[in-house]
N, C-alpha and C. Protein backbone atom coordinates (compact mmCIF):
# COMPACT_ATOMS: atom_id res chain seq x y z
N UNK A 1 136.18 190.21 124.91
CA UNK A 1 136.77 189.00 124.42
C UNK A 1 137.15 189.32 123.06
N UNK A 2 138.39 188.66 122.40
CA UNK A 2 138.76 188.95 121.07
C UNK A 2 139.17 187.41 120.76
N UNK A 3 139.48 187.56 119.47
CA UNK A 3 140.00 186.33 118.61
C UNK A 3 141.43 186.41 119.03
N UNK A 4 141.93 185.00 119.41
CA UNK A 4 143.25 185.13 119.98
C UNK A 4 143.62 183.50 119.22
N UNK A 5 144.87 183.30 119.23
CA UNK A 5 145.64 181.99 118.66
C UNK A 5 145.00 181.57 117.36
N UNK A 6 145.18 182.54 116.17
CA UNK A 6 144.84 182.44 115.14
C UNK A 6 146.17 182.67 114.30
N UNK A 7 146.57 181.87 113.31
CA UNK A 7 147.47 181.88 112.67
C UNK A 7 147.66 182.15 111.39
N UNK A 8 146.22 182.73 110.79
CA UNK A 8 146.06 183.43 109.56
C UNK A 8 146.22 184.74 109.81
N UNK A 9 146.74 185.13 108.58
CA UNK A 9 147.16 186.69 108.36
C UNK A 9 146.27 187.73 108.89
N UNK A 10 146.48 188.81 109.21
CA UNK A 10 145.69 189.86 109.93
C UNK A 10 144.59 190.39 108.46
N UNK A 11 145.21 190.33 107.32
CA UNK A 11 144.42 190.73 106.18
C UNK A 11 143.59 189.60 105.83
N UNK A 12 144.10 188.52 105.96
CA UNK A 12 142.90 187.27 105.63
C UNK A 12 141.65 187.24 106.54
N UNK A 13 142.26 187.32 107.95
CA UNK A 13 141.24 187.45 108.83
C UNK A 13 140.17 188.57 108.74
N UNK A 14 140.64 189.83 107.97
CA UNK A 14 139.71 190.70 108.17
C UNK A 14 138.93 190.35 106.87
N UNK A 15 139.58 189.87 105.68
CA UNK A 15 138.55 189.45 104.21
C UNK A 15 137.42 188.39 104.82
N UNK A 16 137.77 187.44 105.45
CA UNK A 16 136.91 186.60 106.31
C UNK A 16 135.77 186.99 106.82
N UNK A 17 136.30 188.09 107.81
CA UNK A 17 134.92 188.76 108.68
C UNK A 17 134.46 189.58 107.64
N UNK A 18 134.58 189.97 106.53
CA UNK A 18 133.89 190.57 105.68
C UNK A 18 132.66 189.63 104.86
N UNK A 19 133.37 188.35 104.48
CA UNK A 19 132.55 187.25 104.02
C UNK A 19 131.57 186.83 105.15
N UNK A 20 131.90 186.81 106.27
CA UNK A 20 131.03 186.49 107.20
C UNK A 20 129.80 187.48 107.48
N UNK A 21 129.99 188.73 107.46
CA UNK A 21 129.14 189.86 107.55
C UNK A 21 128.16 189.64 106.24
N UNK A 22 128.81 189.13 105.05
CA UNK A 22 128.12 189.14 103.80
C UNK A 22 127.46 187.71 103.63
N UNK A 23 127.36 186.92 104.55
CA UNK A 23 126.84 185.64 104.85
C UNK A 23 127.43 184.79 103.86
N UNK A 24 128.48 184.79 103.43
CA UNK A 24 129.12 183.62 102.80
C UNK A 24 129.67 182.49 103.53
N UNK A 25 129.25 181.43 103.01
CA UNK A 25 129.73 180.17 103.72
C UNK A 25 131.21 180.28 103.81
N UNK A 26 131.77 179.67 104.89
CA UNK A 26 133.11 179.31 105.34
C UNK A 26 133.74 178.59 104.22
N UNK A 27 133.27 177.79 103.52
CA UNK A 27 133.77 176.80 102.47
C UNK A 27 133.87 177.78 101.26
N UNK A 28 132.88 178.57 100.90
CA UNK A 28 133.20 179.39 99.58
C UNK A 28 134.13 180.48 99.97
N UNK A 29 134.22 181.16 101.09
CA UNK A 29 135.04 182.20 101.49
C UNK A 29 136.69 181.48 101.25
N UNK A 30 136.55 180.36 101.89
CA UNK A 30 137.96 179.67 101.93
C UNK A 30 138.43 179.50 100.47
N UNK A 31 137.54 178.87 99.71
CA UNK A 31 137.88 178.78 98.11
C UNK A 31 138.10 180.20 97.43
N UNK A 32 137.47 181.23 97.80
CA UNK A 32 138.02 182.64 97.24
C UNK A 32 139.43 183.20 97.50
N UNK A 33 139.65 183.14 99.06
CA UNK A 33 140.95 183.33 99.55
C UNK A 33 142.00 182.62 99.52
N UNK A 34 141.84 181.08 98.89
CA UNK A 34 142.60 180.34 98.65
C UNK A 34 143.49 179.79 100.02
N UNK A 35 142.54 179.56 100.99
CA UNK A 35 143.01 178.89 102.38
C UNK A 35 142.27 177.41 102.69
N UNK A 36 142.52 176.67 103.50
CA UNK A 36 141.84 175.56 104.11
C UNK A 36 140.52 175.94 104.32
N UNK A 37 139.61 175.03 104.03
CA UNK A 37 138.21 175.16 104.51
C UNK A 37 138.03 175.17 105.98
N UNK A 38 138.88 174.32 106.50
CA UNK A 38 138.78 174.35 108.09
C UNK A 38 139.45 175.34 108.54
N UNK A 39 140.19 176.23 108.33
CA UNK A 39 140.75 177.24 108.78
C UNK A 39 139.52 178.50 108.93
N UNK A 40 138.91 178.52 107.53
CA UNK A 40 137.92 179.49 107.48
C UNK A 40 136.80 179.17 108.62
N UNK A 41 136.28 177.97 108.76
CA UNK A 41 135.14 177.53 109.39
C UNK A 41 135.75 177.83 110.95
N UNK A 42 136.79 177.62 111.18
CA UNK A 42 137.50 177.80 112.65
C UNK A 42 137.50 179.11 112.98
N UNK A 43 138.01 180.17 112.02
CA UNK A 43 137.41 181.62 112.36
C UNK A 43 136.07 182.03 112.43
N UNK A 44 135.08 181.24 111.57
CA UNK A 44 133.87 181.98 111.50
C UNK A 44 133.20 181.43 113.11
N UNK A 45 133.72 180.32 113.41
CA UNK A 45 133.27 179.94 114.72
C UNK A 45 133.72 180.91 115.95
N UNK A 46 134.64 181.28 115.59
CA UNK A 46 135.58 182.09 116.66
C UNK A 46 134.71 183.28 116.84
N UNK A 47 134.31 183.94 115.38
CA UNK A 47 133.50 185.22 115.41
C UNK A 47 132.45 185.13 115.93
N UNK A 48 131.64 183.67 116.12
CA UNK A 48 130.22 183.66 116.29
C UNK A 48 130.32 183.80 117.88
N UNK A 49 131.58 182.99 118.60
CA UNK A 49 131.66 182.69 119.94
C UNK A 49 132.08 184.61 120.47
N UNK A 50 132.75 185.30 119.84
CA UNK A 50 132.62 186.77 120.30
C UNK A 50 131.35 187.35 120.17
N UNK A 51 130.48 187.09 118.92
CA UNK A 51 129.29 187.83 119.14
C UNK A 51 128.52 187.24 120.08
N UNK A 52 128.58 185.85 120.38
CA UNK A 52 127.79 185.30 121.90
C UNK A 52 128.05 185.96 123.14
N UNK A 53 129.30 186.12 123.23
CA UNK A 53 129.94 186.61 124.45
C UNK A 53 129.48 188.27 124.66
N UNK A 54 129.56 188.82 123.30
CA UNK A 54 128.86 190.26 123.61
C UNK A 54 127.57 190.36 123.89
N UNK A 55 126.66 189.47 123.28
CA UNK A 55 125.36 189.40 123.39
C UNK A 55 124.87 188.98 124.78
N UNK A 56 125.77 188.07 125.37
CA UNK A 56 125.32 187.76 126.87
C UNK A 56 125.60 188.74 127.77
N UNK A 57 126.68 189.41 127.44
CA UNK A 57 127.03 190.83 128.35
C UNK A 57 125.72 191.72 128.32
N UNK A 58 125.40 192.16 127.19
CA UNK A 58 124.24 193.07 127.01
C UNK A 58 123.09 192.70 127.53
N UNK A 59 122.75 191.36 127.47
CA UNK A 59 121.60 190.71 127.87
C UNK A 59 121.40 190.65 129.62
N UNK A 60 122.58 190.76 130.08
CA UNK A 60 122.38 190.93 131.43
C UNK A 60 121.96 192.24 132.19
N UNK A 61 122.39 193.18 131.18
CA UNK A 61 121.88 194.60 131.70
C UNK A 61 120.65 194.89 131.13
N UNK A 62 120.12 194.31 130.23
CA UNK A 62 118.68 194.53 129.67
C UNK A 62 117.84 193.57 130.37
N UNK A 63 117.80 192.32 130.55
CA UNK A 63 116.97 191.41 131.18
C UNK A 63 117.58 190.98 132.66
N UNK A 64 117.53 191.82 133.32
CA UNK A 64 117.94 191.70 134.85
C UNK A 64 116.96 191.21 135.70
N UNK A 65 115.48 191.31 135.51
CA UNK A 65 114.46 191.14 136.27
C UNK A 65 113.74 189.94 135.76
N UNK A 66 112.22 189.99 136.02
CA UNK A 66 111.36 188.93 135.58
C UNK A 66 110.96 189.40 134.07
N UNK A 67 111.27 188.44 133.21
CA UNK A 67 110.99 188.49 131.89
C UNK A 67 110.03 187.46 131.14
N UNK A 68 109.09 187.79 130.56
CA UNK A 68 108.09 186.76 130.04
C UNK A 68 108.50 186.85 128.38
N UNK A 69 108.33 185.59 127.97
CA UNK A 69 108.50 185.15 126.68
C UNK A 69 107.15 184.49 125.90
N UNK A 70 106.89 184.58 124.85
CA UNK A 70 105.75 183.94 124.08
C UNK A 70 106.05 184.05 122.54
N UNK A 71 105.80 183.20 121.81
CA UNK A 71 105.53 183.14 120.62
C UNK A 71 104.24 182.58 119.73
N UNK A 72 103.97 183.40 118.73
CA UNK A 72 102.82 182.94 117.71
C UNK A 72 103.07 182.91 116.34
N UNK A 73 102.36 182.11 115.62
CA UNK A 73 102.01 181.93 114.10
C UNK A 73 101.05 182.70 113.58
N UNK A 74 101.21 183.61 112.78
CA UNK A 74 100.11 184.19 112.06
C UNK A 74 100.13 184.15 110.50
N UNK A 75 99.12 184.02 109.70
CA UNK A 75 98.98 184.12 108.21
C UNK A 75 98.96 182.59 107.99
N UNK A 76 99.19 182.32 106.61
CA UNK A 76 99.08 181.01 106.37
C UNK A 76 97.74 180.91 105.50
N UNK A 77 97.52 179.96 104.71
CA UNK A 77 96.64 179.62 103.92
C UNK A 77 95.57 178.30 104.70
N UNK A 78 94.35 178.67 105.16
CA UNK A 78 93.34 177.67 105.61
C UNK A 78 93.66 176.21 104.91
N UNK A 79 93.97 176.04 103.67
CA UNK A 79 93.63 174.84 103.35
C UNK A 79 95.29 174.16 103.47
N UNK A 80 95.14 172.66 103.52
CA UNK A 80 96.69 171.99 103.45
C UNK A 80 96.80 171.98 105.07
N UNK A 81 98.34 172.00 104.86
CA UNK A 81 98.99 171.88 106.23
C UNK A 81 98.71 172.82 107.15
N UNK A 82 98.24 172.33 108.43
CA UNK A 82 98.03 173.50 109.53
C UNK A 82 99.20 173.58 110.52
N UNK A 83 99.25 174.50 111.56
CA UNK A 83 100.23 174.55 112.35
C UNK A 83 101.47 175.13 111.96
N UNK A 84 102.50 174.93 112.81
CA UNK A 84 103.89 175.45 112.54
C UNK A 84 104.28 175.54 111.01
N UNK A 85 104.34 174.38 110.34
CA UNK A 85 104.76 173.86 109.24
C UNK A 85 104.04 174.44 107.98
N UNK A 86 102.93 175.19 108.10
CA UNK A 86 102.04 175.72 107.08
C UNK A 86 102.58 176.61 106.42
N UNK A 87 102.40 176.70 105.22
CA UNK A 87 102.95 177.72 104.30
C UNK A 87 102.62 179.03 104.37
N UNK A 88 103.55 179.94 104.34
CA UNK A 88 102.95 181.18 104.56
C UNK A 88 102.84 181.86 106.02
N UNK A 89 103.07 181.05 107.05
CA UNK A 89 102.96 181.25 108.54
C UNK A 89 104.33 182.24 108.65
N UNK A 90 104.00 183.36 109.80
CA UNK A 90 105.36 184.13 109.99
C UNK A 90 105.22 183.90 111.61
N UNK A 91 106.22 183.56 112.01
CA UNK A 91 106.87 183.35 113.18
C UNK A 91 106.74 184.80 113.85
N UNK A 92 106.48 185.22 115.18
CA UNK A 92 106.53 186.46 115.90
C UNK A 92 106.69 185.94 117.48
N UNK A 93 107.71 186.31 117.97
CA UNK A 93 108.39 186.31 119.19
C UNK A 93 108.31 187.58 119.92
N UNK A 94 107.54 187.51 121.21
CA UNK A 94 107.36 188.58 121.90
C UNK A 94 108.32 188.55 123.33
N UNK A 95 108.73 189.57 123.94
CA UNK A 95 109.38 189.79 125.13
C UNK A 95 108.79 190.65 125.98
N UNK A 96 108.50 190.57 127.29
CA UNK A 96 107.78 191.54 127.97
C UNK A 96 108.60 191.33 129.02
N UNK A 97 109.41 192.64 129.65
CA UNK A 97 110.12 193.00 130.70
C UNK A 97 109.23 193.58 131.81
N UNK A 98 108.78 193.08 132.91
CA UNK A 98 107.97 193.49 134.06
C UNK A 98 108.28 195.08 134.15
N UNK A 99 107.25 195.95 134.10
CA UNK A 99 107.36 197.37 134.60
C UNK A 99 107.95 198.06 133.35
N UNK A 100 108.20 197.37 132.15
CA UNK A 100 108.84 198.24 130.94
C UNK A 100 108.08 198.03 129.85
N UNK A 101 108.61 198.54 129.00
CA UNK A 101 107.81 198.25 127.45
C UNK A 101 107.91 197.01 126.79
N UNK A 102 106.87 196.63 125.90
CA UNK A 102 107.13 195.36 125.37
C UNK A 102 107.86 195.58 123.93
N UNK A 103 108.99 194.53 123.78
CA UNK A 103 109.51 194.67 122.68
C UNK A 103 109.14 193.34 121.82
N UNK A 104 109.02 193.22 120.61
CA UNK A 104 108.77 192.03 119.86
C UNK A 104 109.89 191.92 118.70
N UNK A 105 109.83 190.77 118.21
CA UNK A 105 110.80 190.50 117.31
C UNK A 105 110.11 189.77 116.08
N UNK A 106 110.16 190.01 114.89
CA UNK A 106 109.70 189.50 113.69
C UNK A 106 110.37 188.66 113.04
N UNK A 107 110.08 187.21 113.26
CA UNK A 107 111.03 186.15 112.59
C UNK A 107 110.30 185.58 111.14
N UNK A 108 110.77 185.94 110.07
CA UNK A 108 110.22 185.25 108.88
C UNK A 108 110.64 183.92 108.49
N UNK A 109 110.39 183.00 107.99
CA UNK A 109 110.90 181.73 107.48
C UNK A 109 111.80 182.10 106.32
């Protein structure tokens, strides 16, 4: 899959891709490049669609059997709010593919 039907110049698309990778918002990138914010937002959305497409292709190769998922929250201070919203908690997400090794993904807030 590739980005199609985009009227922006290739140079502008390339610069927007750089800003996307640098996590600059579409509105800020549009201001920097002097283009309409909607044009930048549309290209950002198309970039995300391409990323999702390729991740889905890879996921079919990796997760073709039975998969177990689990999440937990670790850390935090005992006083005050408890549960997910407690300050200092770190979310940990685990994936286990049957008959393979366990992979975990550390998600910080």
